[in-house]
PDB file of all heavy atoms in Angstrom:
ATOM      1  N   VAL A   1      -9.034-131.052 169.053  1.00  0.00           N
ATOM      2  CA  VAL A   1      -9.917-130.212 169.862  1.00  0.00           C
ATOM      3  C   VAL A   1     -11.314-130.339 169.264  1.00  0.00           C
ATOM      4  O   VAL A   1     -11.520-130.048 168.092  1.00  0.00           O
ATOM      5  CB  VAL A   1      -9.463-128.746 169.862  1.00  0.00           C
ATOM      6  CG1 VAL A   1     -10.386-127.912 170.753  1.00  0.00           C
ATOM      7  CG2 VAL A   1      -8.020-128.617 170.331  1.00  0.00           C
ATOM      8  N   ILE A   2     -12.279-130.770 170.091  1.00  0.00           N
ATOM      9  CA  ILE A   2     -13.643-131.025 169.616  1.00  0.00           C
ATOM     10  C   ILE A   2     -14.631-130.327 170.534  1.00  0.00           C
ATOM     11  O   ILE A   2     -14.527-130.433 171.759  1.00  0.00           O
ATOM     12  CB  ILE A   2     -13.944-132.532 169.580  1.00  0.00           C
ATOM     13  CG1 ILE A   2     -13.002-133.235 168.597  1.00  0.00           C
ATOM     14  CG2 ILE A   2     -15.391-132.799 169.196  1.00  0.00           C
ATOM     15  CD1 ILE A   2     -13.141-134.741 168.584  1.00  0.00           C
ATOM     16  N   ALA A   3     -15.596-129.613 169.949  1.00  0.00           N
ATOM     17  CA  ALA A   3     -16.593-128.891 170.734  1.00  0.00           C
ATOM     18  C   ALA A   3     -17.996-129.227 170.246  1.00  0.00           C
ATOM     19  O   ALA A   3     -18.272-129.170 169.050  1.00  0.00           O
ATOM     20  CB  ALA A   3     -16.363-127.388 170.655  1.00  0.00           C
ATOM     21  N   ASN A   4     -18.885-129.555 171.192  1.00  0.00           N
ATOM     22  CA  ASN A   4     -20.296-129.793 170.844  1.00  0.00           C
ATOM     23  C   ASN A   4     -20.998-128.506 170.452  1.00  0.00           C
ATOM     24  O   ASN A   4     -21.800-128.480 169.527  1.00  0.00           O
ATOM     25  CB  ASN A   4     -21.047-130.399 172.024  1.00  0.00           C
ATOM     26  CG  ASN A   4     -20.711-131.851 172.246  1.00  0.00           C
ATOM     27  OD1 ASN A   4     -20.864-132.366 173.336  1.00  0.00           O
ATOM     28  ND2 ASN A   4     -20.243-132.541 171.218  1.00  0.00           N
ATOM     29  N   ASP A   5     -20.725-127.422 171.216  1.00  0.00           N
ATOM     30  CA  ASP A   5     -21.341-126.130 170.927  1.00  0.00           C
ATOM     31  C   ASP A   5     -22.864-126.221 170.887  1.00  0.00           C
ATOM     32  O   ASP A   5     -23.524-125.565 170.074  1.00  0.00           O
ATOM     33  CB  ASP A   5     -20.808-125.593 169.598  1.00  0.00           C
ATOM     34  CG  ASP A   5     -20.723-124.078 169.588  1.00  0.00           C
ATOM     35  OD1 ASP A   5     -21.368-123.454 170.443  1.00  0.00           O
ATOM     36  OD2 ASP A   5     -20.012-123.524 168.742  1.00  0.00           O
ATOM     37  N   LEU A   6     -23.434-127.033 171.769  1.00  0.00           N
ATOM     38  CA  LEU A   6     -24.883-127.190 171.774  1.00  0.00           C
ATOM     39  C   LEU A   6     -25.585-125.890 172.146  1.00  0.00           C
ATOM     40  O   LEU A   6     -26.665-125.591 171.662  1.00  0.00           O
ATOM     41  CB  LEU A   6     -25.286-128.296 172.756  1.00  0.00           C
ATOM     42  CG  LEU A   6     -25.103-129.728 172.253  1.00  0.00           C
ATOM     43  CD1 LEU A   6     -25.449-130.719 173.341  1.00  0.00           C
ATOM     44  CD2 LEU A   6     -25.950-129.977 171.028  1.00  0.00           C
ATOM     45  N   CYS A   7     -24.975-125.138 173.061  1.00  0.00           N
ATOM     46  CA  CYS A   7     -25.542-123.859 173.466  1.00  0.00           C
ATOM     47  C   CYS A   7     -24.418-123.019 174.042  1.00  0.00           C
ATOM     48  O   CYS A   7     -23.270-123.468 174.114  1.00  0.00           O
ATOM     49  CB  CYS A   7     -26.665-124.041 174.488  1.00  0.00           C
ATOM     50  SG  CYS A   7     -26.111-124.776 176.034  1.00  0.00           S
ATOM     51  N   ASN A   8     -24.726-121.808 174.422  1.00  0.00           N
ATOM     52  CA  ASN A   8     -23.749-120.937 175.067  1.00  0.00           C
ATOM     53  C   ASN A   8     -24.352-120.408 176.361  1.00  0.00           C
ATOM     54  O   ASN A   8     -25.381-119.736 176.347  1.00  0.00           O
ATOM     55  CB  ASN A   8     -23.375-119.762 174.157  1.00  0.00           C
ATOM     56  CG  ASN A   8     -22.471-118.769 174.880  1.00  0.00           C
ATOM     57  OD1 ASN A   8     -21.378-119.113 175.308  1.00  0.00           O
ATOM     58  ND2 ASN A   8     -22.940-117.535 175.029  1.00  0.00           N
ATOM     59  N   THR A   9     -23.706-120.740 177.483  1.00  0.00           N
ATOM     60  CA  THR A   9     -24.180-120.264 178.780  1.00  0.00           C
ATOM     61  C   THR A   9     -23.741-118.823 178.982  1.00  0.00           C
ATOM     62  O   THR A   9     -22.540-118.517 178.946  1.00  0.00           O
ATOM     63  CB  THR A   9     -23.634-121.136 179.914  1.00  0.00           C
ATOM     64  OG1 THR A   9     -24.092-122.481 179.726  1.00  0.00           O
ATOM     65  CG2 THR A   9     -24.114-120.628 181.268  1.00  0.00           C
ATOM     66  N   THR A  10     -24.678-117.936 179.189  1.00  0.00           N
ATOM     67  CA  THR A  10     -24.363-116.523 179.415  1.00  0.00           C
ATOM     68  C   THR A  10     -23.490-116.379 180.657  1.00  0.00           C
ATOM     69  O   THR A  10     -23.785-116.951 181.707  1.00  0.00           O
ATOM     70  CB  THR A  10     -25.658-115.713 179.596  1.00  0.00           C
ATOM     71  OG1 THR A  10     -26.464-115.881 178.425  1.00  0.00           O
ATOM     72  CG2 THR A  10     -25.350-114.247 179.800  1.00  0.00           C
ATOM     73  N   GLY A  11     -22.415-115.621 180.516  1.00  0.00           N
ATOM     74  CA  GLY A  11     -21.506-115.395 181.631  1.00  0.00           C
ATOM     75  C   GLY A  11     -20.427-116.439 181.782  1.00  0.00           C
ATOM     76  O   GLY A  11     -19.600-116.355 182.698  1.00  0.00           O
ATOM     77  N   SER A  12     -20.384-117.428 180.897  1.00  0.00           N
ATOM     78  CA  SER A  12     -19.342-118.448 180.957  1.00  0.00           C
ATOM     79  C   SER A  12     -18.023-117.890 180.428  1.00  0.00           C
ATOM     80  O   SER A  12     -17.998-116.826 179.792  1.00  0.00           O
ATOM     81  CB  SER A  12     -19.770-119.673 180.149  1.00  0.00           C
ATOM     82  OG  SER A  12     -19.944-119.343 178.783  1.00  0.00           O
ATOM     83  N   PRO A  13     -16.889-118.563 180.678  1.00  0.00           N
ATOM     84  CA  PRO A  13     -15.578-118.035 180.256  1.00  0.00           C
ATOM     85  C   PRO A  13     -15.471-117.742 178.764  1.00  0.00           C
ATOM     86  O   PRO A  13     -14.777-116.811 178.358  1.00  0.00           O
ATOM     87  CB  PRO A  13     -14.611-119.146 180.677  1.00  0.00           C
ATOM     88  CG  PRO A  13     -15.280-119.811 181.817  1.00  0.00           C
ATOM     89  CD  PRO A  13     -16.739-119.787 181.484  1.00  0.00           C
ATOM     90  N   VAL A  14     -16.122-118.548 177.915  1.00  0.00           N
ATOM     91  CA  VAL A  14     -16.119-118.289 176.468  1.00  0.00           C
ATOM     92  C   VAL A  14     -17.553-117.935 176.103  1.00  0.00           C
ATOM     93  O   VAL A  14     -18.353-118.796 175.724  1.00  0.00           O
ATOM     94  CB  VAL A  14     -15.617-119.515 175.675  1.00  0.00           C
ATOM     95  CG1 VAL A  14     -15.501-119.160 174.193  1.00  0.00           C
ATOM     96  CG2 VAL A  14     -14.272-119.996 176.209  1.00  0.00           C
ATOM     97  N   ASP A  15     -17.871-116.647 176.223  1.00  0.00           N
ATOM     98  CA  ASP A  15     -19.250-116.182 176.067  1.00  0.00           C
ATOM     99  C   ASP A  15     -19.342-115.216 174.893  1.00  0.00           C
ATOM    100  O   ASP A  15     -19.265-114.010 175.045  1.00  0.00           O
ATOM    101  CB  ASP A  15     -19.709-115.507 177.367  1.00  0.00           C
ATOM    102  CG  ASP A  15     -21.166-115.051 177.302  1.00  0.00           C
ATOM    103  OD1 ASP A  15     -21.865-115.473 176.372  1.00  0.00           O
ATOM    104  OD2 ASP A  15     -21.577-114.267 178.184  1.00  0.00           O
ATOM    105  N   GLN A  16     -19.473-115.771 173.709  1.00  0.00           N
ATOM    106  CA  GLN A  16     -19.595-114.955 172.499  1.00  0.00           C
ATOM    107  C   GLN A  16     -20.538-115.635 171.506  1.00  0.00           C
ATOM    108  O   GLN A  16     -20.310-115.644 170.306  1.00  0.00           O
ATOM    109  CB  GLN A  16     -18.220-114.719 171.864  1.00  0.00           C
ATOM    110  CG  GLN A  16     -17.371-115.962 171.749  1.00  0.00           C
ATOM    111  CD  GLN A  16     -15.897-115.644 171.605  1.00  0.00           C
ATOM    112  OE1 GLN A  16     -15.454-114.497 171.722  1.00  0.00           O
ATOM    113  NE2 GLN A  16     -15.104-116.664 171.327  1.00  0.00           N
ATOM    114  N   GLY A  17     -21.599-116.227 172.073  1.00  0.00           N
ATOM    115  CA  GLY A  17     -22.517-116.975 171.240  1.00  0.00           C
ATOM    116  C   GLY A  17     -21.954-118.343 170.931  1.00  0.00           C
ATOM    117  O   GLY A  17     -20.989-118.799 171.547  1.00  0.00           O
ATOM    118  N   ARG A  18     -22.555-119.003 169.975  1.00  0.00           N
ATOM    119  CA  ARG A  18     -22.098-120.334 169.598  1.00  0.00           C
ATOM    120  C   ARG A  18     -20.898-120.211 168.663  1.00  0.00           C
ATOM    121  O   ARG A  18     -20.931-120.514 167.483  1.00  0.00           O
ATOM    122  CB  ARG A  18     -23.220-121.128 168.942  1.00  0.00           C
ATOM    123  CG  ARG A  18     -24.357-121.478 169.895  1.00  0.00           C
ATOM    124  CD  ARG A  18     -25.366-122.411 169.269  1.00  0.00           C
ATOM    125  NE  ARG A  18     -24.713-123.602 168.766  1.00  0.00           N
ATOM    126  CZ  ARG A  18     -24.826-124.057 167.524  1.00  0.00           C
ATOM    127  NH1 ARG A  18     -25.560-123.399 166.636  1.00  0.00           N
ATOM    128  NH2 ARG A  18     -24.214-125.151 167.136  1.00  0.00           N
ATOM    129  N   LEU A  19     -19.786-119.776 169.260  1.00  0.00           N
ATOM    130  CA  LEU A  19     -18.573-119.504 168.495  1.00  0.00           C
ATOM    131  C   LEU A  19     -17.355-119.917 169.302  1.00  0.00           C
ATOM    132  O   LEU A  19     -17.184-119.500 170.444  1.00  0.00           O
ATOM    133  CB  LEU A  19     -18.486-118.015 168.154  1.00  0.00           C
ATOM    134  CG  LEU A  19     -17.220-117.552 167.425  1.00  0.00           C
ATOM    135  CD1 LEU A  19     -17.175-118.120 166.003  1.00  0.00           C
ATOM    136  CD2 LEU A  19     -17.152-116.026 167.395  1.00  0.00           C
ATOM    137  N   SER A  20     -16.499-120.745 168.708  1.00  0.00           N
ATOM    138  CA  SER A  20     -15.208-121.103 169.284  1.00  0.00           C
ATOM    139  C   SER A  20     -14.117-120.380 168.510  1.00  0.00           C
ATOM    140  O   SER A  20     -14.297-120.043 167.324  1.00  0.00           O
ATOM    141  CB  SER A  20     -14.987-122.619 169.229  1.00  0.00           C
ATOM    142  OG  SER A  20     -15.890-123.290 170.085  1.00  0.00           O
ATOM    143  N   THR A  21     -12.980-120.126 169.187  1.00  0.00           N
ATOM    144  CA  THR A  21     -11.958-119.285 168.563  1.00  0.00           C
ATOM    145  C   THR A  21     -10.570-119.900 168.665  1.00  0.00           C
ATOM    146  O   THR A  21     -10.226-120.559 169.647  1.00  0.00           O
ATOM    147  CB  THR A  21     -11.933-117.893 169.222  1.00  0.00           C
ATOM    148  OG1 THR A  21     -11.728-118.039 170.632  1.00  0.00           O
ATOM    149  CG2 THR A  21     -13.237-117.152 168.987  1.00  0.00           C
ATOM    150  N   LEU A  22      -9.788-119.664 167.621  1.00  0.00           N
ATOM    151  CA  LEU A  22      -8.356-119.955 167.586  1.00  0.00           C
ATOM    152  C   LEU A  22      -7.651-118.621 167.395  1.00  0.00           C
ATOM    153  O   LEU A  22      -7.678-118.060 166.295  1.00  0.00           O
ATOM    154  CB  LEU A  22      -8.022-120.909 166.439  1.00  0.00           C
ATOM    155  CG  LEU A  22      -8.679-122.295 166.461  1.00  0.00           C
ATOM    156  CD1 LEU A  22      -8.363-123.050 165.173  1.00  0.00           C
ATOM    157  CD2 LEU A  22      -8.223-123.094 167.670  1.00  0.00           C
ATOM    158  N   THR A  23      -7.069-118.115 168.460  1.00  0.00           N
ATOM    159  CA  THR A  23      -6.500-116.764 168.385  1.00  0.00           C
ATOM    160  C   THR A  23      -5.034-116.720 168.769  1.00  0.00           C
ATOM    161  O   THR A  23      -4.466-115.650 168.870  1.00  0.00           O
ATOM    162  CB  THR A  23      -7.283-115.808 169.313  1.00  0.00           C
ATOM    163  OG1 THR A  23      -7.164-116.265 170.667  1.00  0.00           O
ATOM    164  CG2 THR A  23      -8.750-115.759 168.933  1.00  0.00           C
ATOM    165  N   GLY A  24      -4.422-117.846 169.001  1.00  0.00           N
ATOM    166  CA  GLY A  24      -3.046-117.834 169.487  1.00  0.00           C
ATOM    167  C   GLY A  24      -2.010-117.823 168.385  1.00  0.00           C
ATOM    168  O   GLY A  24      -2.305-117.660 167.197  1.00  0.00           O
ATOM    169  N   THR A  25      -0.775-118.033 168.823  1.00  0.00           N
ATOM    170  CA  THR A  25       0.353-118.091 167.893  1.00  0.00           C
ATOM    171  C   THR A  25       1.059-119.437 167.988  1.00  0.00           C
ATOM    172  O   THR A  25       2.160-119.589 167.468  1.00  0.00           O
ATOM    173  CB  THR A  25       1.354-116.959 168.196  1.00  0.00           C
ATOM    174  OG1 THR A  25       1.823-117.086 169.550  1.00  0.00           O
ATOM    175  CG2 THR A  25       0.713-115.600 168.007  1.00  0.00           C
ATOM    176  N   GLY A  26       0.433-120.378 168.658  1.00  0.00           N
ATOM    177  CA  GLY A  26       1.034-121.699 168.804  1.00  0.00           C
ATOM    178  C   GLY A  26       0.662-122.602 167.646  1.00  0.00           C
ATOM    179  O   GLY A  26       0.684-122.183 166.485  1.00  0.00           O
ATOM    180  N   GLY A  27       0.282-123.823 167.950  1.00  0.00           N
ATOM    181  CA  GLY A  27      -0.058-124.748 166.878  1.00  0.00           C
ATOM    182  C   GLY A  27      -0.798-125.963 167.386  1.00  0.00           C
ATOM    183  O   GLY A  27      -0.725-126.331 168.561  1.00  0.00           O
ATOM    184  N   ILE A  28      -1.544-126.572 166.465  1.00  0.00           N
ATOM    185  CA  ILE A  28      -2.224-127.834 166.725  1.00  0.00           C
ATOM    186  C   ILE A  28      -1.774-128.816 165.645  1.00  0.00           C
ATOM    187  O   ILE A  28      -1.933-128.549 164.454  1.00  0.00           O
ATOM    188  CB  ILE A  28      -3.759-127.681 166.684  1.00  0.00           C
ATOM    189  CG1 ILE A  28      -4.226-126.660 167.728  1.00  0.00           C
ATOM    190  CG2 ILE A  28      -4.443-129.027 166.929  1.00  0.00           C
ATOM    191  CD1 ILE A  28      -5.715-126.362 167.669  1.00  0.00           C
TER     192      ILE A  28
END
């Protein structure tokens, strides 16, 4: 899983600033 995170579009599905999250119980 790779993210550029160049910016964060306000109102987008993952809208918490320039932050990506791993919150599940599965695995990579």
